[in-house]
């Protein structure tokens, strides 16, 4: 694993009225890492990603991507620089086919629709989406298939850094294993650095090189999955009580 810093967040804070969603958060993600981002509901996980990807402008602090200050830049420019994301709630494309939805992602890098469609086909095949369903409308596919399309659409933008937001929420255990395998391959075979927001601990602990824990808008701790799993502060944050 390279030690090159892909993302550096320094002193990031974000408020919504009287609610402090992020409070002076600083962290780094290095090249080809899979970093799990965990914490109770309301910890600031998605707000962090929204600030990095330009959805929100932070109230204070800086975001650096590959050494460049991208703080507060618009989402489309950040995407062009190589930062992609999936969404906590899937964004259905009811009236588009699967291949059209992923082609839309590939069009970030080319104006050639045929080339974009070819790239979309390659990405869908990579994530294991059934080829027989490429022309199926979004309204007719299953939840796990929507998750795979969301991943494929983000990958089709050719990111260097990809945030995956609760990709296994609502899935059956064997479907979680399918997604875990895809995510590992995206990292190892495509070389994409990953930030994975997740509540399903079995999933995030099994795929992550390092875990970052947020709690009440603050960075609580970080470390290897094993270190974080036995950290008393993490147990208290999740269970609301100190371990015996």
C-alpha atoms as a PDB file:
ATOM      1  CA  UNK A   1       0.000   0.000   0.000  1.00  0.00           C
ATOM      2  CA  UNK A   2       1.335   3.406  -0.983  1.00  0.00           C
ATOM      3  CA  UNK A   3       1.667   6.131   1.641  1.00  0.00           C
ATOM      4  CA  UNK A   4       0.686   8.843  -0.860  1.00  0.00           C
ATOM      5  CA  UNK A   5      -2.102  10.963   0.617  1.00  0.00           C
ATOM      6  CA  UNK A   6      -5.180  11.008  -1.613  1.00  0.00           C
ATOM      7  CA  UNK A   7      -7.491  12.936   0.718  1.00  0.00           C
ATOM      8  CA  UNK A   8      -6.670  15.232   3.615  1.00  0.00           C
ATOM      9  CA  UNK A   9      -9.403  16.832   5.686  1.00  0.00           C
ATOM     10  CA  UNK A  10      -8.154  19.500   8.090  1.00  0.00           C
ATOM     11  CA  UNK A  11     -10.224  21.050  10.890  1.00  0.00           C
ATOM     12  CA  UNK A  12     -13.525  20.535   9.058  1.00  0.00           C
ATOM     13  CA  UNK A  13     -16.636  21.936  10.759  1.00  0.00           C
ATOM     14  CA  UNK A  14     -20.228  22.211   9.568  1.00  0.00           C
ATOM     15  CA  UNK A  15     -23.286  23.555  11.391  1.00  0.00           C
ATOM     16  CA  UNK A  16     -26.961  23.490  10.552  1.00  0.00           C
ATOM     17  CA  UNK A  17     -28.499  26.192  12.695  1.00  0.00           C
ATOM     18  CA  UNK A  18     -27.737  25.191  16.275  1.00  0.00           C
ATOM     19  CA  UNK A  19     -26.701  21.649  15.333  1.00  0.00           C
ATOM     20  CA  UNK A  20     -22.982  20.966  14.986  1.00  0.00           C
ATOM     21  CA  UNK A  21     -22.773  18.187  12.396  1.00  0.00           C
ATOM     22  CA  UNK A  22     -18.970  18.248  12.122  1.00  0.00           C
ATOM     23  CA  UNK A  23     -16.683  19.628  14.781  1.00  0.00           C
ATOM     24  CA  UNK A  24     -13.037  20.191  13.817  1.00  0.00           C
ATOM     25  CA  UNK A  25     -12.574  16.852  12.033  1.00  0.00           C
ATOM     26  CA  UNK A  26      -9.150  16.046  10.588  1.00  0.00           C
ATOM     27  CA  UNK A  27      -8.164  12.824   8.818  1.00  0.00           C
ATOM     28  CA  UNK A  28      -6.184  11.428   5.906  1.00  0.00           C
ATOM     29  CA  UNK A  29      -6.839   8.642   3.412  1.00  0.00           C
ATOM     30  CA  UNK A  30      -3.863   7.216   1.543  1.00  0.00           C
ATOM     31  CA  UNK A  31      -3.646   5.674  -1.906  1.00  0.00           C
ATOM     32  CA  UNK A  32      -5.429   2.316  -2.356  1.00  0.00           C
ATOM     33  CA  UNK A  33      -6.690   2.212   1.216  1.00  0.00           C
ATOM     34  CA  UNK A  34     -10.153   1.021   2.120  1.00  0.00           C
ATOM     35  CA  UNK A  35     -11.163   3.238   5.032  1.00  0.00           C
ATOM     36  CA  UNK A  36     -14.346   2.372   6.897  1.00  0.00           C
ATOM     37  CA  UNK A  37     -16.196   5.390   8.300  1.00  0.00           C
ATOM     38  CA  UNK A  38     -18.477   4.370  11.145  1.00  0.00           C
ATOM     39  CA  UNK A  39     -20.442   5.926  13.983  1.00  0.00           C
ATOM     40  CA  UNK A  40     -23.962   6.059  15.421  1.00  0.00           C
ATOM     41  CA  UNK A  41     -26.768   7.789  13.537  1.00  0.00           C
ATOM     42  CA  UNK A  42     -26.139  11.526  13.461  1.00  0.00           C
ATOM     43  CA  UNK A  43     -22.397  11.147  13.959  1.00  0.00           C
ATOM     44  CA  UNK A  44     -21.582  13.256  10.886  1.00  0.00           C
ATOM     45  CA  UNK A  45     -20.527  10.533   8.433  1.00  0.00           C
ATOM     46  CA  UNK A  46     -22.591  11.583   5.419  1.00  0.00           C
ATOM     47  CA  UNK A  47     -22.068  15.274   6.220  1.00  0.00           C
ATOM     48  CA  UNK A  48     -18.327  14.631   6.007  1.00  0.00           C
ATOM     49  CA  UNK A  49     -18.701  13.091   2.552  1.00  0.00           C
ATOM     50  CA  UNK A  50     -21.042  15.894   1.475  1.00  0.00           C
ATOM     51  CA  UNK A  51     -18.421  18.460   2.459  1.00  0.00           C
ATOM     52  CA  UNK A  52     -15.671  16.583   0.615  1.00  0.00           C
ATOM     53  CA  UNK A  53     -17.731  16.141  -2.560  1.00  0.00           C
ATOM     54  CA  UNK A  54     -19.019  19.718  -2.709  1.00  0.00           C
ATOM     55  CA  UNK A  55     -22.637  19.103  -1.749  1.00  0.00           C
ATOM     56  CA  UNK A  56     -22.073  21.262   1.339  1.00  0.00           C
ATOM     57  CA  UNK A  57     -19.582  24.056   1.861  1.00  0.00           C
ATOM     58  CA  UNK A  58     -17.908  23.623   5.261  1.00  0.00           C
ATOM     59  CA  UNK A  59     -18.111  26.488   7.739  1.00  0.00           C
ATOM     60  CA  UNK A  60     -14.424  26.116   8.482  1.00  0.00           C
ATOM     61  CA  UNK A  61     -11.530  23.828   7.644  1.00  0.00           C
ATOM     62  CA  UNK A  62      -9.987  22.603   4.403  1.00  0.00           C
ATOM     63  CA  UNK A  63     -10.329  19.644   2.034  1.00  0.00           C
ATOM     64  CA  UNK A  64      -7.313  18.627  -0.048  1.00  0.00           C
ATOM     65  CA  UNK A  65      -7.486  16.064  -2.848  1.00  0.00           C
ATOM     66  CA  UNK A  66      -4.118  14.910  -4.187  1.00  0.00           C
ATOM     67  CA  UNK A  67      -2.617  18.000  -2.583  1.00  0.00           C
ATOM     68  CA  UNK A  68      -5.050  20.456  -4.205  1.00  0.00           C
ATOM     69  CA  UNK A  69      -7.397  22.577  -2.129  1.00  0.00           C
ATOM     70  CA  UNK A  70     -10.915  21.638  -3.302  1.00  0.00           C
ATOM     71  CA  UNK A  71     -12.769  23.179  -0.364  1.00  0.00           C
ATOM     72  CA  UNK A  72     -16.196  24.406  -1.417  1.00  0.00           C
ATOM     73  CA  UNK A  73     -15.742  23.695  -5.124  1.00  0.00           C
ATOM     74  CA  UNK A  74     -18.916  22.609  -6.958  1.00  0.00           C
ATOM     75  CA  UNK A  75     -19.695  18.866  -7.148  1.00  0.00           C
ATOM     76  CA  UNK A  76     -19.212  18.538 -10.910  1.00  0.00           C
ATOM     77  CA  UNK A  77     -15.681  19.967 -10.724  1.00  0.00           C
ATOM     78  CA  UNK A  78     -14.788  17.705  -7.811  1.00  0.00           C
ATOM     79  CA  UNK A  79     -16.139  14.726  -9.776  1.00  0.00           C
ATOM     80  CA  UNK A  80     -13.997  15.719 -12.769  1.00  0.00           C
ATOM     81  CA  UNK A  81     -10.941  15.793 -10.510  1.00  0.00           C
ATOM     82  CA  UNK A  82     -11.609  12.168  -9.564  1.00  0.00           C
ATOM     83  CA  UNK A  83     -13.849  12.011  -6.490  1.00  0.00           C
ATOM     84  CA  UNK A  84     -17.047   9.950  -6.826  1.00  0.00           C
ATOM     85  CA  UNK A  85     -19.707   8.748  -4.421  1.00  0.00           C
ATOM     86  CA  UNK A  86     -22.754   6.577  -4.119  1.00  0.00           C
ATOM     87  CA  UNK A  87     -25.734   7.702  -2.066  1.00  0.00           C
ATOM     88  CA  UNK A  88     -27.156   6.518   1.236  1.00  0.00           C
ATOM     89  CA  UNK A  89     -30.592   6.257  -0.365  1.00  0.00           C
ATOM     90  CA  UNK A  90     -30.506   4.650  -3.783  1.00  0.00           C
ATOM     91  CA  UNK A  91     -31.549   6.973  -6.577  1.00  0.00           C
ATOM     92  CA  UNK A  92     -33.815   4.915  -8.822  1.00  0.00           C
ATOM     93  CA  UNK A  93     -33.819   5.437 -12.579  1.00  0.00           C
ATOM     94  CA  UNK A  94     -37.302   4.049 -13.132  1.00  0.00           C
ATOM     95  CA  UNK A  95     -37.635   5.174 -16.737  1.00  0.00           C
ATOM     96  CA  UNK A  96     -34.045   4.468 -17.821  1.00  0.00           C
ATOM     97  CA  UNK A  97     -32.474   1.137 -18.618  1.00  0.00           C
ATOM     98  CA  UNK A  98     -29.585  -0.196 -16.555  1.00  0.00           C
ATOM     99  CA  UNK A  99     -27.102   0.407 -19.365  1.00  0.00           C
ATOM    100  CA  UNK A 100     -28.376   3.961 -19.877  1.00  0.00           C
ATOM    101  CA  UNK A 101     -27.970   4.769 -16.179  1.00  0.00           C
ATOM    102  CA  UNK A 102     -24.332   3.639 -16.140  1.00  0.00           C
ATOM    103  CA  UNK A 103     -23.617   5.260 -19.499  1.00  0.00           C
ATOM    104  CA  UNK A 104     -24.662   8.550 -17.886  1.00  0.00           C
ATOM    105  CA  UNK A 105     -21.783   8.117 -15.435  1.00  0.00           C
ATOM    106  CA  UNK A 106     -19.291   7.332 -18.194  1.00  0.00           C
ATOM    107  CA  UNK A 107     -20.311  10.502 -20.046  1.00  0.00           C
ATOM    108  CA  UNK A 108     -18.457  12.519 -17.404  1.00  0.00           C
ATOM    109  CA  UNK A 109     -15.216  11.616 -19.213  1.00  0.00           C
ATOM    110  CA  UNK A 110     -16.294  11.520 -22.866  1.00  0.00           C
ATOM    111  CA  UNK A 111     -18.853  13.100 -25.177  1.00  0.00           C
ATOM    112  CA  UNK A 112     -18.877   9.990 -27.358  1.00  0.00           C
ATOM    113  CA  UNK A 113     -22.069   8.141 -26.402  1.00  0.00           C
ATOM    114  CA  UNK A 114     -21.016   4.892 -28.076  1.00  0.00           C
ATOM    115  CA  UNK A 115     -17.697   4.904 -26.221  1.00  0.00           C
ATOM    116  CA  UNK A 116     -19.478   5.717 -22.953  1.00  0.00           C
ATOM    117  CA  UNK A 117     -21.874   2.814 -23.542  1.00  0.00           C
ATOM    118  CA  UNK A 118     -18.955   0.447 -24.174  1.00  0.00           C
ATOM    119  CA  UNK A 119     -17.306   1.575 -20.944  1.00  0.00           C
ATOM    120  CA  UNK A 120     -20.609   1.173 -19.091  1.00  0.00           C
ATOM    121  CA  UNK A 121     -20.893  -2.381 -20.396  1.00  0.00           C
ATOM    122  CA  UNK A 122     -17.385  -3.193 -19.147  1.00  0.00           C
ATOM    123  CA  UNK A 123     -18.095  -1.792 -15.692  1.00  0.00           C
ATOM    124  CA  UNK A 124     -21.425  -3.619 -15.362  1.00  0.00           C
ATOM    125  CA  UNK A 125     -19.705  -6.857 -16.310  1.00  0.00           C
ATOM    126  CA  UNK A 126     -16.952  -6.130 -13.773  1.00  0.00           C
ATOM    127  CA  UNK A 127     -19.409  -5.732 -10.880  1.00  0.00           C
ATOM    128  CA  UNK A 128     -21.229  -8.900 -11.937  1.00  0.00           C
ATOM    129  CA  UNK A 129     -24.506  -7.379 -13.088  1.00  0.00           C
ATOM    130  CA  UNK A 130     -26.486  -9.920 -15.172  1.00  0.00           C
ATOM    131  CA  UNK A 131     -25.970  -9.137 -18.863  1.00  0.00           C
ATOM    132  CA  UNK A 132     -29.484 -10.326 -19.630  1.00  0.00           C
ATOM    133  CA  UNK A 133     -30.815  -7.370 -17.611  1.00  0.00           C
ATOM    134  CA  UNK A 134     -28.755  -4.544 -19.155  1.00  0.00           C
ATOM    135  CA  UNK A 135     -31.780  -3.255 -21.081  1.00  0.00           C
ATOM    136  CA  UNK A 136     -34.197  -3.636 -18.172  1.00  0.00           C
ATOM    137  CA  UNK A 137     -35.790  -0.504 -16.747  1.00  0.00           C
ATOM    138  CA  UNK A 138     -34.843   0.590 -13.263  1.00  0.00           C
ATOM    139  CA  UNK A 139     -38.355   0.003 -11.980  1.00  0.00           C
ATOM    140  CA  UNK A 140     -37.995  -3.719 -12.663  1.00  0.00           C
ATOM    141  CA  UNK A 141     -34.734  -4.630 -10.936  1.00  0.00           C
ATOM    142  CA  UNK A 142     -34.086  -5.863  -7.397  1.00  0.00           C
ATOM    143  CA  UNK A 143     -32.542  -3.954  -4.465  1.00  0.00           C
ATOM    144  CA  UNK A 144     -29.121  -5.592  -4.793  1.00  0.00           C
ATOM    145  CA  UNK A 145     -29.193  -4.907  -8.523  1.00  0.00           C
ATOM    146  CA  UNK A 146     -29.868  -1.232  -7.789  1.00  0.00           C
ATOM    147  CA  UNK A 147     -26.866  -1.253  -5.455  1.00  0.00           C
ATOM    148  CA  UNK A 148     -24.669  -2.761  -8.170  1.00  0.00           C
ATOM    149  CA  UNK A 149     -25.876  -0.176 -10.691  1.00  0.00           C
ATOM    150  CA  UNK A 150     -25.126   2.641  -8.226  1.00  0.00           C
ATOM    151  CA  UNK A 151     -21.604   1.271  -7.792  1.00  0.00           C
ATOM    152  CA  UNK A 152     -21.145   0.798 -11.529  1.00  0.00           C
ATOM    153  CA  UNK A 153     -22.370   4.304 -12.319  1.00  0.00           C
ATOM    154  CA  UNK A 154     -19.871   5.802  -9.856  1.00  0.00           C
ATOM    155  CA  UNK A 155     -17.016   3.600 -11.119  1.00  0.00           C
ATOM    156  CA  UNK A 156     -17.834   4.608 -14.700  1.00  0.00           C
ATOM    157  CA  UNK A 157     -16.778   8.177 -13.851  1.00  0.00           C
ATOM    158  CA  UNK A 158     -13.229   6.774 -13.426  1.00  0.00           C
ATOM    159  CA  UNK A 159     -12.607   8.063  -9.903  1.00  0.00           C
ATOM    160  CA  UNK A 160      -9.386   7.930  -7.950  1.00  0.00           C
ATOM    161  CA  UNK A 161     -11.363   8.155  -4.686  1.00  0.00           C
ATOM    162  CA  UNK A 162     -14.831   6.656  -4.249  1.00  0.00           C
ATOM    163  CA  UNK A 163     -17.102   7.074  -1.229  1.00  0.00           C
ATOM    164  CA  UNK A 164     -19.635   4.287  -0.767  1.00  0.00           C
ATOM    165  CA  UNK A 165     -22.520   5.240   1.509  1.00  0.00           C
ATOM    166  CA  UNK A 166     -24.378   2.336   3.183  1.00  0.00           C
ATOM    167  CA  UNK A 167     -24.217   0.120   0.117  1.00  0.00           C
ATOM    168  CA  UNK A 168     -25.364  -3.024   1.959  1.00  0.00           C
ATOM    169  CA  UNK A 169     -28.289  -1.498   3.870  1.00  0.00           C
ATOM    170  CA  UNK A 170     -31.357  -3.712   3.525  1.00  0.00           C
ATOM    171  CA  UNK A 171     -29.526  -6.610   1.906  1.00  0.00           C
ATOM    172  CA  UNK A 172     -29.622 -10.281   2.922  1.00  0.00           C
ATOM    173  CA  UNK A 173     -26.447 -11.792   4.432  1.00  0.00           C
ATOM    174  CA  UNK A 174     -25.437 -13.605   1.230  1.00  0.00           C
ATOM    175  CA  UNK A 175     -26.020 -10.397  -0.749  1.00  0.00           C
ATOM    176  CA  UNK A 176     -23.757  -8.528   1.683  1.00  0.00           C
ATOM    177  CA  UNK A 177     -21.035 -11.057   0.858  1.00  0.00           C
ATOM    178  CA  UNK A 178     -21.540 -10.444  -2.877  1.00  0.00           C
ATOM    179  CA  UNK A 179     -21.123  -6.687  -2.421  1.00  0.00           C
ATOM    180  CA  UNK A 180     -18.075  -7.194  -0.176  1.00  0.00           C
ATOM    181  CA  UNK A 181     -16.384  -9.199  -2.918  1.00  0.00           C
ATOM    182  CA  UNK A 182     -17.170  -6.523  -5.514  1.00  0.00           C
ATOM    183  CA  UNK A 183     -15.859  -3.733  -3.274  1.00  0.00           C
ATOM    184  CA  UNK A 184     -12.585  -5.594  -2.627  1.00  0.00           C
ATOM    185  CA  UNK A 185     -12.115  -6.120  -6.370  1.00  0.00           C
ATOM    186  CA  UNK A 186     -12.820  -2.460  -7.124  1.00  0.00           C
ATOM    187  CA  UNK A 187     -10.017  -1.589  -4.719  1.00  0.00           C
ATOM    188  CA  UNK A 188      -7.495  -4.284  -5.632  1.00  0.00           C
ATOM    189  CA  UNK A 189      -8.031  -4.656  -9.370  1.00  0.00           C
ATOM    190  CA  UNK A 190      -9.027  -1.107 -10.310  1.00  0.00           C
ATOM    191  CA  UNK A 191      -6.773   0.568  -7.749  1.00  0.00           C
ATOM    192  CA  UNK A 192      -9.530   2.884  -6.517  1.00  0.00           C
ATOM    193  CA  UNK A 193      -9.137   4.300  -3.008  1.00  0.00           C
ATOM    194  CA  UNK A 194     -12.327   3.782  -0.999  1.00  0.00           C
ATOM    195  CA  UNK A 195     -14.119   5.464   1.887  1.00  0.00           C
ATOM    196  CA  UNK A 196     -16.918   3.189   3.094  1.00  0.00           C
ATOM    197  CA  UNK A 197     -19.697   4.551   5.314  1.00  0.00           C
ATOM    198  CA  UNK A 198     -21.566   1.679   6.899  1.00  0.00           C
ATOM    199  CA  UNK A 199     -23.642   0.462   9.840  1.00  0.00           C
ATOM    200  CA  UNK A 200     -23.309  -3.252   9.043  1.00  0.00           C
ATOM    201  CA  UNK A 201     -20.251  -4.015  11.139  1.00  0.00           C
ATOM    202  CA  UNK A 202     -19.602  -7.484   9.715  1.00  0.00           C
ATOM    203  CA  UNK A 203     -19.246  -5.919   6.281  1.00  0.00           C
ATOM    204  CA  UNK A 204     -17.173  -2.855   7.077  1.00  0.00           C
ATOM    205  CA  UNK A 205     -14.836  -4.649   9.493  1.00  0.00           C
ATOM    206  CA  UNK A 206     -14.137  -7.392   6.951  1.00  0.00           C
ATOM    207  CA  UNK A 207     -13.184  -5.131   4.034  1.00  0.00           C
ATOM    208  CA  UNK A 208     -11.440  -2.166   5.687  1.00  0.00           C
ATOM    209  CA  UNK A 209      -7.723  -1.587   6.132  1.00  0.00           C
ATOM    210  CA  UNK A 210      -8.482   1.119   8.670  1.00  0.00           C
ATOM    211  CA  UNK A 211     -11.558   2.356  10.523  1.00  0.00           C
ATOM    212  CA  UNK A 212     -12.415   5.970  11.363  1.00  0.00           C
ATOM    213  CA  UNK A 213     -15.043   6.487  14.062  1.00  0.00           C
ATOM    214  CA  UNK A 214     -17.142   9.648  14.256  1.00  0.00           C
ATOM    215  CA  UNK A 215     -19.358  10.507  17.210  1.00  0.00           C
ATOM    216  CA  UNK A 216     -21.454  13.650  17.662  1.00  0.00           C
ATOM    217  CA  UNK A 217     -19.560  15.356  14.867  1.00  0.00           C
ATOM    218  CA  UNK A 218     -16.109  14.648  16.277  1.00  0.00           C
ATOM    219  CA  UNK A 219     -13.405  12.178  15.303  1.00  0.00           C
ATOM    220  CA  UNK A 220     -13.598   9.717  18.187  1.00  0.00           C
ATOM    221  CA  UNK A 221     -10.799   7.334  17.225  1.00  0.00           C
ATOM    222  CA  UNK A 222      -9.226   5.489  14.314  1.00  0.00           C
ATOM    223  CA  UNK A 223      -7.167   2.353  13.815  1.00  0.00           C
ATOM    224  CA  UNK A 224      -7.248  -1.150  12.414  1.00  0.00           C
ATOM    225  CA  UNK A 225     -10.584  -2.995  12.595  1.00  0.00           C
ATOM    226  CA  UNK A 226      -9.272  -5.078  15.500  1.00  0.00           C
ATOM    227  CA  UNK A 227      -8.096  -2.019  17.429  1.00  0.00           C
ATOM    228  CA  UNK A 228     -11.361  -0.159  16.922  1.00  0.00           C
ATOM    229  CA  UNK A 229     -13.535  -3.172  17.816  1.00  0.00           C
ATOM    230  CA  UNK A 230     -12.005  -3.373  21.290  1.00  0.00           C
ATOM    231  CA  UNK A 231     -11.766   0.374  21.954  1.00  0.00           C
ATOM    232  CA  UNK A 232     -13.862   1.242  25.062  1.00  0.00           C
ATOM    233  CA  UNK A 233     -14.745   4.653  23.585  1.00  0.00           C
ATOM    234  CA  UNK A 234     -16.298   2.964  20.549  1.00  0.00           C
ATOM    235  CA  UNK A 235     -18.272   0.531  22.684  1.00  0.00           C
ATOM    236  CA  UNK A 236     -19.587   3.422  24.779  1.00  0.00           C
ATOM    237  CA  UNK A 237     -20.516   5.482  21.704  1.00  0.00           C
ATOM    238  CA  UNK A 238     -22.523   2.638  20.196  1.00  0.00           C
ATOM    239  CA  UNK A 239     -24.074   1.154  23.317  1.00  0.00           C
ATOM    240  CA  UNK A 240     -24.372   4.305  25.429  1.00  0.00           C
ATOM    241  CA  UNK A 241     -22.626   2.680  28.366  1.00  0.00           C
ATOM    242  CA  UNK A 242     -19.086   1.911  29.396  1.00  0.00           C
ATOM    243  CA  UNK A 243     -18.012  -1.723  29.011  1.00  0.00           C
ATOM    244  CA  UNK A 244     -17.812  -3.798  32.157  1.00  0.00           C
END
